[in-house]
C-alpha atoms as a PDB file:
ATOM      1  CA  MET A   1      -0.057   0.049  -0.036  1.00  0.00           C
ATOM      2  CA  ASP A   2       1.747   3.103  -1.219  1.00  0.00           C
ATOM      3  CA  LEU A   3       2.387   6.019   1.069  1.00  0.00           C
ATOM      4  CA  GLY A   4       1.400   9.468   0.004  1.00  0.00           C
ATOM      5  CA  LEU A   5      -1.558   8.574  -2.279  1.00  0.00           C
ATOM      6  CA  THR A   6      -5.387   8.311  -1.768  1.00  0.00           C
ATOM      7  CA  HIS A   7      -6.647   4.668  -1.791  1.00  0.00           C
ATOM      8  CA  THR A   8     -10.104   3.149  -1.867  1.00  0.00           C
ATOM      9  CA  LEU A   9     -10.021   0.587   1.012  1.00  0.00           C
ATOM     10  CA  LYS A  10     -12.588  -1.656   2.653  1.00  0.00           C
ATOM     11  CA  ALA A  11     -13.345  -1.622   6.338  1.00  0.00           C
ATOM     12  CA  ASN A  12     -12.102  -4.964   7.673  1.00  0.00           C
ATOM     13  CA  ARG A  13     -12.130  -5.018  11.445  1.00  0.00           C
ATOM     14  CA  PHE A  14     -12.893  -2.590  14.284  1.00  0.00           C
ATOM     15  CA  MET A  15     -10.620  -2.169  17.367  1.00  0.00           C
ATOM     16  CA  ASP A  16     -10.629   0.250  20.381  1.00  0.00           C
ATOM     17  CA  GLN A  17      -8.185   2.498  18.426  1.00  0.00           C
ATOM     18  CA  GLY A  18     -10.164   2.549  15.072  1.00  0.00           C
ATOM     19  CA  CYS A  19     -10.785   0.556  12.142  1.00  0.00           C
ATOM     20  CA  TYR A  20      -8.288  -1.396  10.148  1.00  0.00           C
ATOM     21  CA  LEU A  21      -8.885  -0.906   6.315  1.00  0.00           C
ATOM     22  CA  ILE A  22      -7.750  -3.645   3.817  1.00  0.00           C
ATOM     23  CA  ASP A  23      -6.781  -3.410   0.182  1.00  0.00           C
ATOM     24  CA  GLU A  24      -7.101  -5.891  -2.565  1.00  0.00           C
ATOM     25  CA  HIS A  25      -3.894  -7.438  -1.710  1.00  0.00           C
ATOM     26  CA  GLY A  26      -4.654  -8.114   1.945  1.00  0.00           C
ATOM     27  CA  ASP A  27      -2.593  -5.166   3.434  1.00  0.00           C
ATOM     28  CA  GLU A  28      -4.097  -3.349   6.334  1.00  0.00           C
ATOM     29  CA  VAL A  29      -3.826   0.219   7.649  1.00  0.00           C
ATOM     30  CA  LEU A  30      -5.363   1.850  10.677  1.00  0.00           C
ATOM     31  CA  LEU A  31      -7.880   4.471  10.400  1.00  0.00           C
ATOM     32  CA  PRO A  32      -7.904   6.091  13.776  1.00  0.00           C
ATOM     33  CA  ASN A  33     -11.210   6.918  15.539  1.00  0.00           C
ATOM     34  CA  ALA A  34     -10.617  10.758  15.031  1.00  0.00           C
ATOM     35  CA  TYR A  35     -11.033  10.301  11.328  1.00  0.00           C
ATOM     36  CA  MET A  36     -13.592   7.581  11.280  1.00  0.00           C
ATOM     37  CA  PRO A  37     -16.996   8.687   9.693  1.00  0.00           C
ATOM     38  CA  ASP A  38     -20.205   8.022  11.505  1.00  0.00           C
ATOM     39  CA  GLY A  39     -21.854   4.805  10.368  1.00  0.00           C
ATOM     40  CA  LEU A  40     -18.866   3.184   8.852  1.00  0.00           C
ATOM     41  CA  LYS A  41     -19.479  -0.561   8.783  1.00  0.00           C
ATOM     42  CA  GLU A  42     -17.512  -3.726   8.122  1.00  0.00           C
ATOM     43  CA  GLY A  43     -17.245  -4.157   4.263  1.00  0.00           C
ATOM     44  CA  ASP A  44     -17.925  -0.530   3.480  1.00  0.00           C
ATOM     45  CA  GLU A  45     -15.470   1.181   1.027  1.00  0.00           C
ATOM     46  CA  ILE A  46     -13.894   4.475   1.933  1.00  0.00           C
ATOM     47  CA  ASP A  47     -11.397   6.764   0.304  1.00  0.00           C
ATOM     48  CA  VAL A  48      -8.493   7.647   2.585  1.00  0.00           C
ATOM     49  CA  PHE A  49      -4.896   9.076   2.317  1.00  0.00           C
ATOM     50  CA  VAL A  50      -2.075   6.975   3.708  1.00  0.00           C
ATOM     51  CA  TYR A  51       1.069   8.321   5.422  1.00  0.00           C
ATOM     52  CA  LEU A  52       3.243   7.952   8.477  1.00  0.00           C
ATOM     53  CA  ASP A  53       2.139   9.492  11.632  1.00  0.00           C
ATOM     54  CA  SER A  54       4.400  11.147  14.344  1.00  0.00           C
ATOM     55  CA  GLU A  55       5.353   7.669  15.472  1.00  0.00           C
ATOM     56  CA  GLU A  56       6.412   6.567  11.977  1.00  0.00           C
ATOM     57  CA  ARG A  57       3.472   4.131  11.687  1.00  0.00           C
ATOM     58  CA  SER A  58       1.390   3.943   8.553  1.00  0.00           C
ATOM     59  CA  VAL A  59      -2.080   5.464   9.128  1.00  0.00           C
ATOM     60  CA  ALA A  60      -5.080   6.401   7.102  1.00  0.00           C
ATOM     61  CA  THR A  61      -7.020   9.649   7.211  1.00  0.00           C
ATOM     62  CA  THR A  62     -10.003  11.108   5.468  1.00  0.00           C
ATOM     63  CA  ILE A  63      -8.497  14.465   5.468  1.00  0.00           C
ATOM     64  CA  LYS A  64      -7.563  15.441   1.957  1.00  0.00           C
ATOM     65  CA  PRO A  65      -3.795  16.829   2.067  1.00  0.00           C
ATOM     66  CA  LEU A  66      -2.736  19.802  -0.095  1.00  0.00           C
ATOM     67  CA  ILE A  67      -0.245  17.517  -2.050  1.00  0.00           C
ATOM     68  CA  GLU A  68       0.064  13.863  -2.934  1.00  0.00           C
ATOM     69  CA  LEU A  69       2.905  11.803  -4.091  1.00  0.00           C
ATOM     70  CA  TYR A  70       4.879  13.072  -7.092  1.00  0.00           C
ATOM     71  CA  GLU A  71       2.892  16.302  -7.184  1.00  0.00           C
ATOM     72  CA  PHE A  72       3.824  19.990  -6.692  1.00  0.00           C
ATOM     73  CA  ALA A  73       2.005  22.514  -4.234  1.00  0.00           C
ATOM     74  CA  TYR A  74       2.766  25.838  -2.994  1.00  0.00           C
ATOM     75  CA  LEU A  75       3.084  25.272   0.894  1.00  0.00           C
ATOM     76  CA  LYS A  76       3.860  27.557   3.896  1.00  0.00           C
ATOM     77  CA  VAL A  77       6.748  26.827   6.206  1.00  0.00           C
ATOM     78  CA  MET A  78       5.611  26.372   9.768  1.00  0.00           C
ATOM     79  CA  GLN A  79       8.898  25.701  11.521  1.00  0.00           C
ATOM     80  CA  VAL A  80      12.656  25.679  10.716  1.00  0.00           C
ATOM     81  CA  ASN A  81      15.210  23.818  12.858  1.00  0.00           C
ATOM     82  CA  LYS A  82      18.754  22.390  12.598  1.00  0.00           C
ATOM     83  CA  VAL A  83      17.815  19.548  10.283  1.00  0.00           C
ATOM     84  CA  GLY A  84      15.487  21.241   7.817  1.00  0.00           C
ATOM     85  CA  ALA A  85      12.106  23.013   7.390  1.00  0.00           C
ATOM     86  CA  PHE A  86       8.555  21.711   8.197  1.00  0.00           C
ATOM     87  CA  VAL A  87       5.618  22.736   5.951  1.00  0.00           C
ATOM     88  CA  ASP A  88       1.852  22.695   6.201  1.00  0.00           C
ATOM     89  CA  TRP A  89       0.301  20.150   3.858  1.00  0.00           C
ATOM     90  CA  GLY A  90      -3.042  20.032   5.508  1.00  0.00           C
ATOM     91  CA  LEU A  91      -2.354  17.104   8.063  1.00  0.00           C
ATOM     92  CA  VAL A  92      -1.572  17.174  11.654  1.00  0.00           C
ATOM     93  CA  LYS A  93       1.963  15.955  11.112  1.00  0.00           C
ATOM     94  CA  GLN A  94       3.936  18.507   9.090  1.00  0.00           C
ATOM     95  CA  LEU A  95       5.942  17.689   5.985  1.00  0.00           C
ATOM     96  CA  PHE A  96       9.647  17.673   6.327  1.00  0.00           C
ATOM     97  CA  VAL A  97      11.853  19.346   3.817  1.00  0.00           C
ATOM     98  CA  PRO A  98      15.422  18.432   4.545  1.00  0.00           C
ATOM     99  CA  PHE A  99      18.306  20.913   3.935  1.00  0.00           C
ATOM    100  CA  SER A 100      19.631  18.738   1.140  1.00  0.00           C
ATOM    101  CA  GLU A 101      16.421  19.153  -0.781  1.00  0.00           C
ATOM    102  CA  GLN A 102      16.328  23.081  -0.640  1.00  0.00           C
ATOM    103  CA  LYS A 103      17.668  25.151  -3.433  1.00  0.00           C
ATOM    104  CA  ALA A 104      17.753  28.144  -1.161  1.00  0.00           C
ATOM    105  CA  GLU A 105      17.210  28.999   2.450  1.00  0.00           C
ATOM    106  CA  MET A 106      13.489  28.511   3.499  1.00  0.00           C
ATOM    107  CA  ARG A 107      12.102  30.773   6.109  1.00  0.00           C
ATOM    108  CA  GLU A 108       9.384  30.375   8.663  1.00  0.00           C
ATOM    109  CA  GLY A 109       6.048  31.991   7.453  1.00  0.00           C
ATOM    110  CA  LYS A 110       7.065  32.216   3.708  1.00  0.00           C
ATOM    111  CA  SER A 111       5.480  29.753   1.005  1.00  0.00           C
ATOM    112  CA  TYR A 112       7.480  27.705  -1.470  1.00  0.00           C
ATOM    113  CA  LEU A 113       6.934  25.307  -4.298  1.00  0.00           C
ATOM    114  CA  ILE A 114       7.210  21.811  -2.778  1.00  0.00           C
ATOM    115  CA  TYR A 115       7.333  18.447  -4.543  1.00  0.00           C
ATOM    116  CA  LEU A 116       6.246  15.398  -2.591  1.00  0.00           C
ATOM    117  CA  ASP A 117       8.717  12.519  -3.001  1.00  0.00           C
ATOM    118  CA  TYR A 118       9.353   9.100  -1.494  1.00  0.00           C
ATOM    119  CA  ASP A 119      12.566   7.675  -0.042  1.00  0.00           C
ATOM    120  CA  GLU A 120      12.701   3.891  -0.670  1.00  0.00           C
ATOM    121  CA  LYS A 121      15.616   3.508   1.794  1.00  0.00           C
ATOM    122  CA  THR A 122      13.758   4.916   4.836  1.00  0.00           C
ATOM    123  CA  ASP A 123      10.266   4.340   3.628  1.00  0.00           C
ATOM    124  CA  ARG A 124       9.309   7.907   4.321  1.00  0.00           C
ATOM    125  CA  LEU A 125       7.795  10.910   2.391  1.00  0.00           C
ATOM    126  CA  TYR A 126       9.543  14.148   2.234  1.00  0.00           C
ATOM    127  CA  GLY A 127       9.256  17.385   0.468  1.00  0.00           C
ATOM    128  CA  SER A 128      11.759  18.783  -2.162  1.00  0.00           C
ATOM    129  CA  TYR A 129      12.254  22.522  -2.770  1.00  0.00           C
ATOM    130  CA  LYS A 130      14.284  21.675  -5.931  1.00  0.00           C
ATOM    131  CA  GLU A 131      11.722  21.899  -8.774  1.00  0.00           C
ATOM    132  CA  ASN A 132      14.192  21.415 -11.657  1.00  0.00           C
ATOM    133  CA  LYS A 133      15.107  18.059 -10.257  1.00  0.00           C
ATOM    134  CA  HIS A 134      11.567  16.778 -10.671  1.00  0.00           C
ATOM    135  CA  LEU A 135      10.367  18.583 -13.839  1.00  0.00           C
ATOM    136  CA  ILE A 136      10.583  17.247 -17.436  1.00  0.00           C
ATOM    137  CA  PHE A 137      12.771  19.141 -20.011  1.00  0.00           C
ATOM    138  CA  LYS A 138      12.791  16.683 -22.787  1.00  0.00           C
ATOM    139  CA  ASP A 139      10.158  14.946 -25.082  1.00  0.00           C
ATOM    140  CA  ILE A 140       7.557  17.536 -24.146  1.00  0.00           C
ATOM    141  CA  ASP A 141       4.165  16.490 -24.873  1.00  0.00           C
ATOM    142  CA  LEU A 142       2.831  19.926 -25.806  1.00  0.00           C
ATOM    143  CA  LYS A 143       2.485  22.194 -28.919  1.00  0.00           C
ATOM    144  CA  VAL A 144       2.203  25.825 -29.409  1.00  0.00           C
ATOM    145  CA  GLY A 145      -1.329  27.109 -28.690  1.00  0.00           C
ATOM    146  CA  ASP A 146      -2.185  24.309 -26.263  1.00  0.00           C
ATOM    147  CA  LYS A 147      -4.210  25.451 -23.234  1.00  0.00           C
ATOM    148  CA  ILE A 148      -2.627  24.262 -19.929  1.00  0.00           C
ATOM    149  CA  SER A 149      -2.936  24.604 -16.258  1.00  0.00           C
ATOM    150  CA  ALA A 150      -0.241  26.635 -14.567  1.00  0.00           C
ATOM    151  CA  LEU A 151       0.793  26.718 -10.852  1.00  0.00           C
ATOM    152  CA  LEU A 152       2.382  30.054 -10.288  1.00  0.00           C
ATOM    153  CA  TYR A 153       5.271  29.829  -7.797  1.00  0.00           C
ATOM    154  CA  GLU A 154       8.133  32.355  -8.075  1.00  0.00           C
ATOM    155  CA  LYS A 155       8.625  35.836  -9.520  1.00  0.00           C
ATOM    156  CA  SER A 156      11.824  36.811 -11.313  1.00  0.00           C
ATOM    157  CA  ASP A 157      13.045  39.812 -13.316  1.00  0.00           C
ATOM    158  CA  LEU A 158      11.486  38.294 -16.316  1.00  0.00           C
ATOM    159  CA  GLY A 159       8.097  37.405 -15.033  1.00  0.00           C
ATOM    160  CA  ILE A 160       6.310  34.646 -13.090  1.00  0.00           C
ATOM    161  CA  GLN A 161       7.497  31.011 -13.168  1.00  0.00           C
ATOM    162  CA  ALA A 162       5.025  28.186 -13.335  1.00  0.00           C
ATOM    163  CA  VAL A 163       4.725  24.572 -13.121  1.00  0.00           C
ATOM    164  CA  ILE A 164       2.627  23.268 -16.151  1.00  0.00           C
ATOM    165  CA  ASN A 165       0.448  20.452 -15.745  1.00  0.00           C
ATOM    166  CA  ASN A 166       2.474  19.064 -12.854  1.00  0.00           C
ATOM    167  CA  LYS A 167       5.344  18.326 -15.347  1.00  0.00           C
ATOM    168  CA  TYR A 168       7.126  21.124 -17.043  1.00  0.00           C
ATOM    169  CA  LYS A 169       8.495  24.468 -16.329  1.00  0.00           C
ATOM    170  CA  GLY A 170       6.969  27.691 -17.679  1.00  0.00           C
ATOM    171  CA  LEU A 171       7.357  31.422 -17.695  1.00  0.00           C
ATOM    172  CA  ILE A 172       4.729  34.199 -18.211  1.00  0.00           C
ATOM    173  CA  PHE A 173       6.853  37.199 -19.190  1.00  0.00           C
ATOM    174  CA  ASN A 174       5.994  40.508 -17.438  1.00  0.00           C
ATOM    175  CA  SER A 175       4.941  41.932 -20.939  1.00  0.00           C
ATOM    176  CA  ASP A 176       2.308  39.329 -21.153  1.00  0.00           C
ATOM    177  CA  LEU A 177       0.924  39.908 -17.683  1.00  0.00           C
ATOM    178  CA  HIS A 178      -2.429  41.692 -18.215  1.00  0.00           C
ATOM    179  CA  LYS A 179      -4.289  40.737 -14.987  1.00  0.00           C
ATOM    180  CA  GLU A 180      -3.291  40.449 -11.346  1.00  0.00           C
ATOM    181  CA  LEU A 181      -1.894  37.023 -10.555  1.00  0.00           C
ATOM    182  CA  ARG A 182      -0.822  35.592  -7.122  1.00  0.00           C
ATOM    183  CA  LEU A 183       1.773  33.071  -6.366  1.00  0.00           C
ATOM    184  CA  GLY A 184       0.345  29.759  -5.311  1.00  0.00           C
ATOM    185  CA  GLU A 185      -2.703  30.062  -7.555  1.00  0.00           C
ATOM    186  CA  TYR A 186      -3.601  28.012 -10.596  1.00  0.00           C
ATOM    187  CA  THR A 187      -4.426  29.781 -13.820  1.00  0.00           C
ATOM    188  CA  ASP A 188      -5.256  28.711 -17.325  1.00  0.00           C
ATOM    189  CA  ALA A 189      -2.634  29.677 -19.893  1.00  0.00           C
ATOM    190  CA  TYR A 190      -1.422  28.909 -23.428  1.00  0.00           C
ATOM    191  CA  VAL A 191       1.761  27.593 -24.782  1.00  0.00           C
ATOM    192  CA  LYS A 192       3.493  30.521 -26.717  1.00  0.00           C
ATOM    193  CA  GLN A 193       6.930  28.886 -27.341  1.00  0.00           C
ATOM    194  CA  ILE A 194       8.807  25.616 -26.371  1.00  0.00           C
ATOM    195  CA  ARG A 195      12.454  26.527 -26.074  1.00  0.00           C
ATOM    196  CA  SER A 196      15.416  24.356 -26.957  1.00  0.00           C
ATOM    197  CA  ASP A 197      16.320  23.944 -23.147  1.00  0.00           C
ATOM    198  CA  GLY A 198      12.750  22.561 -22.574  1.00  0.00           C
ATOM    199  CA  LYS A 199      11.399  25.617 -20.838  1.00  0.00           C
ATOM    200  CA  ILE A 200       8.073  26.892 -22.048  1.00  0.00           C
ATOM    201  CA  ASP A 201       6.856  30.488 -22.661  1.00  0.00           C
ATOM    202  CA  LEU A 202       3.347  31.066 -21.675  1.00  0.00           C
ATOM    203  CA  VAL A 203       0.627  33.680 -22.304  1.00  0.00           C
ATOM    204  CA  LEU A 204      -2.662  34.247 -20.622  1.00  0.00           C
ATOM    205  CA  SER A 205      -4.802  34.592 -23.881  1.00  0.00           C
ATOM    206  CA  PRO A 206      -5.089  32.178 -26.866  1.00  0.00           C
ATOM    207  CA  VAL A 207      -1.920  32.402 -28.961  1.00  0.00           C
ATOM    208  CA  GLY A 208      -3.670  33.455 -32.206  1.00  0.00           C
ATOM    209  CA  TYR A 209      -4.815  36.653 -30.444  1.00  0.00           C
ATOM    210  CA  LYS A 210      -1.542  37.348 -28.677  1.00  0.00           C
ATOM    211  CA  MET A 211       0.291  37.167 -31.922  1.00  0.00           C
ATOM    212  CA  SER A 212      -1.943  39.788 -33.513  1.00  0.00           C
ATOM    213  CA  ILE A 213      -2.304  42.116 -30.701  1.00  0.00           C
ATOM    214  CA  ASP A 214      -1.805  45.796 -31.606  1.00  0.00           C
ATOM    215  CA  PRO A 215      -0.236  48.575 -29.525  1.00  0.00           C
ATOM    216  CA  ASN A 216      -3.463  50.244 -28.674  1.00  0.00           C
ATOM    217  CA  SER A 217      -5.210  47.095 -27.473  1.00  0.00           C
ATOM    218  CA  LYS A 218      -2.049  46.627 -25.294  1.00  0.00           C
ATOM    219  CA  ILE A 219      -2.492  50.013 -23.721  1.00  0.00           C
ATOM    220  CA  ILE A 220      -6.151  49.119 -22.827  1.00  0.00           C
ATOM    221  CA  LEU A 221      -5.044  45.717 -21.426  1.00  0.00           C
ATOM    222  CA  ASP A 222      -2.342  47.398 -19.351  1.00  0.00           C
ATOM    223  CA  ALA A 223      -4.847  49.766 -18.016  1.00  0.00           C
ATOM    224  CA  LEU A 224      -7.253  46.950 -17.142  1.00  0.00           C
ATOM    225  CA  ALA A 225      -4.527  45.115 -15.231  1.00  0.00           C
ATOM    226  CA  LYS A 226      -3.592  48.161 -13.145  1.00  0.00           C
ATOM    227  CA  ASN A 227      -7.322  48.770 -12.191  1.00  0.00           C
ATOM    228  CA  ASP A 228      -8.297  45.371 -11.151  1.00  0.00           C
ATOM    229  CA  GLY A 229      -9.690  44.315 -14.549  1.00  0.00           C
ATOM    230  CA  ARG A 230     -12.144  47.296 -15.129  1.00  0.00           C
ATOM    231  CA  ILE A 231     -11.907  50.784 -16.603  1.00  0.00           C
ATOM    232  CA  TYR A 232     -14.783  53.138 -16.697  1.00  0.00           C
ATOM    233  CA  LEU A 233     -14.674  54.157 -20.361  1.00  0.00           C
ATOM    234  CA  ASN A 234     -16.778  53.069 -23.318  1.00  0.00           C
ATOM    235  CA  ASP A 235     -17.857  54.289 -26.822  1.00  0.00           C
ATOM    236  CA  LYS A 236     -19.912  56.957 -25.275  1.00  0.00           C
ATOM    237  CA  SER A 237     -17.115  58.444 -23.213  1.00  0.00           C
ATOM    238  CA  ASP A 238     -15.852  61.975 -23.824  1.00  0.00           C
ATOM    239  CA  PRO A 239     -12.878  61.973 -26.166  1.00  0.00           C
ATOM    240  CA  GLU A 240     -10.953  64.088 -23.678  1.00  0.00           C
ATOM    241  CA  ALA A 241     -11.489  61.547 -20.840  1.00  0.00           C
ATOM    242  CA  ILE A 242     -10.219  58.775 -23.086  1.00  0.00           C
ATOM    243  CA  LYS A 243      -7.138  60.959 -23.985  1.00  0.00           C
ATOM    244  CA  ILE A 244      -6.428  61.705 -20.371  1.00  0.00           C
ATOM    245  CA  GLN A 245      -6.708  58.122 -19.129  1.00  0.00           C
ATOM    246  CA  LEU A 246      -5.110  56.272 -21.968  1.00  0.00           C
ATOM    247  CA  GLY A 247      -3.483  58.684 -24.407  1.00  0.00           C
ATOM    248  CA  LEU A 248      -5.545  57.456 -27.188  1.00  0.00           C
ATOM    249  CA  SER A 249      -7.937  59.280 -29.591  1.00  0.00           C
ATOM    250  CA  LYS A 250     -11.513  58.070 -29.356  1.00  0.00           C
ATOM    251  CA  LYS A 251     -11.257  56.528 -32.791  1.00  0.00           C
ATOM    252  CA  ALA A 252      -8.192  54.453 -31.895  1.00  0.00           C
ATOM    253  CA  PHE A 253      -9.815  53.570 -28.620  1.00  0.00           C
ATOM    254  CA  LYS A 254     -13.047  52.256 -30.257  1.00  0.00           C
ATOM    255  CA  ARG A 255     -10.945  50.285 -32.800  1.00  0.00           C
ATOM    256  CA  ALA A 256      -8.863  48.593 -30.022  1.00  0.00           C
ATOM    257  CA  VAL A 257     -11.932  47.868 -27.866  1.00  0.00           C
ATOM    258  CA  GLY A 258     -13.650  46.255 -30.863  1.00  0.00           C
ATOM    259  CA  ASN A 259     -10.652  44.118 -31.557  1.00  0.00           C
ATOM    260  CA  LEU A 260     -10.498  42.954 -27.914  1.00  0.00           C
ATOM    261  CA  TYR A 261     -14.227  42.308 -27.791  1.00  0.00           C
ATOM    262  CA  LYS A 262     -14.076  40.174 -30.887  1.00  0.00           C
ATOM    263  CA  GLN A 263     -11.364  38.065 -29.227  1.00  0.00           C
ATOM    264  CA  LYS A 264     -13.593  37.728 -26.234  1.00  0.00           C
ATOM    265  CA  VAL A 265     -11.037  39.272 -23.978  1.00  0.00           C
ATOM    266  CA  ILE A 266     -13.192  41.927 -22.604  1.00  0.00           C
ATOM    267  CA  THR A 267     -16.860  42.548 -21.820  1.00  0.00           C
ATOM    268  CA  ILE A 268     -18.577  45.892 -22.549  1.00  0.00           C
ATOM    269  CA  ASP A 269     -21.284  47.248 -20.341  1.00  0.00           C
ATOM    270  CA  SER A 270     -22.887  50.514 -19.412  1.00  0.00           C
ATOM    271  CA  ASN A 271     -20.180  51.194 -16.863  1.00  0.00           C
ATOM    272  CA  GLY A 272     -17.137  50.590 -19.114  1.00  0.00           C
ATOM    273  CA  ILE A 273     -14.948  47.666 -19.970  1.00  0.00           C
ATOM    274  CA  LEU A 274     -14.287  44.509 -17.866  1.00  0.00           C
ATOM    275  CA  LEU A 275     -11.376  42.064 -18.493  1.00  0.00           C
ATOM    276  CA  ASN A 276     -12.780  38.498 -18.919  1.00  0.00           C
ATOM    277  CA  GLU A 277     -11.355  35.859 -16.678  1.00  0.00           C
ATOM    278  CA  LYS A 278      -9.490  33.086 -18.699  1.00  0.00           C
END
């Protein structure tokens, strides 16, 4: 029974400390009373996460952790001591990230991209703060224009770095950031370019649109990004107000707004323009 994964197990026998669950191979694991749902009966199936408790015993829990085996998550450091860091992964026992698995110093109260791995020698789960060690940079199963899920995890001078589909390394350049994004959140994005080193450039809008974006449309997108996705201008606005806020003539403004609207990047209402969520 693999540690670090969710299993569907069958209630096998009840003891004072809880219920022993069994898998199809006959292996058992304890579900402590604290996590046992009301009405669980012998023979019932239940989904549980299996890990080691504070006494290094395999146990099951009905709590869903923030990360599972061979996955990435953005986790907060709760404690740092002489052996490493301990991060909150949603369970009572915190996840250990040894110093040997830290690419830089981890600090209490800060959040980092963590990968959940398994040590066969010690039969223990551990966290790794070395994303390049676990990402794929060859034989990338993506193509330009593909829509992907990006986990945002680190800012650099170039933009925001992301893990793509839990496999690949991506970057959204600052010039392509047209809405407010927060580290630790997931966002839909699109593959703009796959580089020779296996790193992937991303954009937040479909590639066909991004390739044809005109300077005036970009001015409007930048204004939307700076104002929480809304600006209070439309085709009935005074030309002078448009000029003051955006530096555009009313004719150029209307043409750019029409382009963005056709691409379904914005919504227009009586109050102005709203950036659509992707």
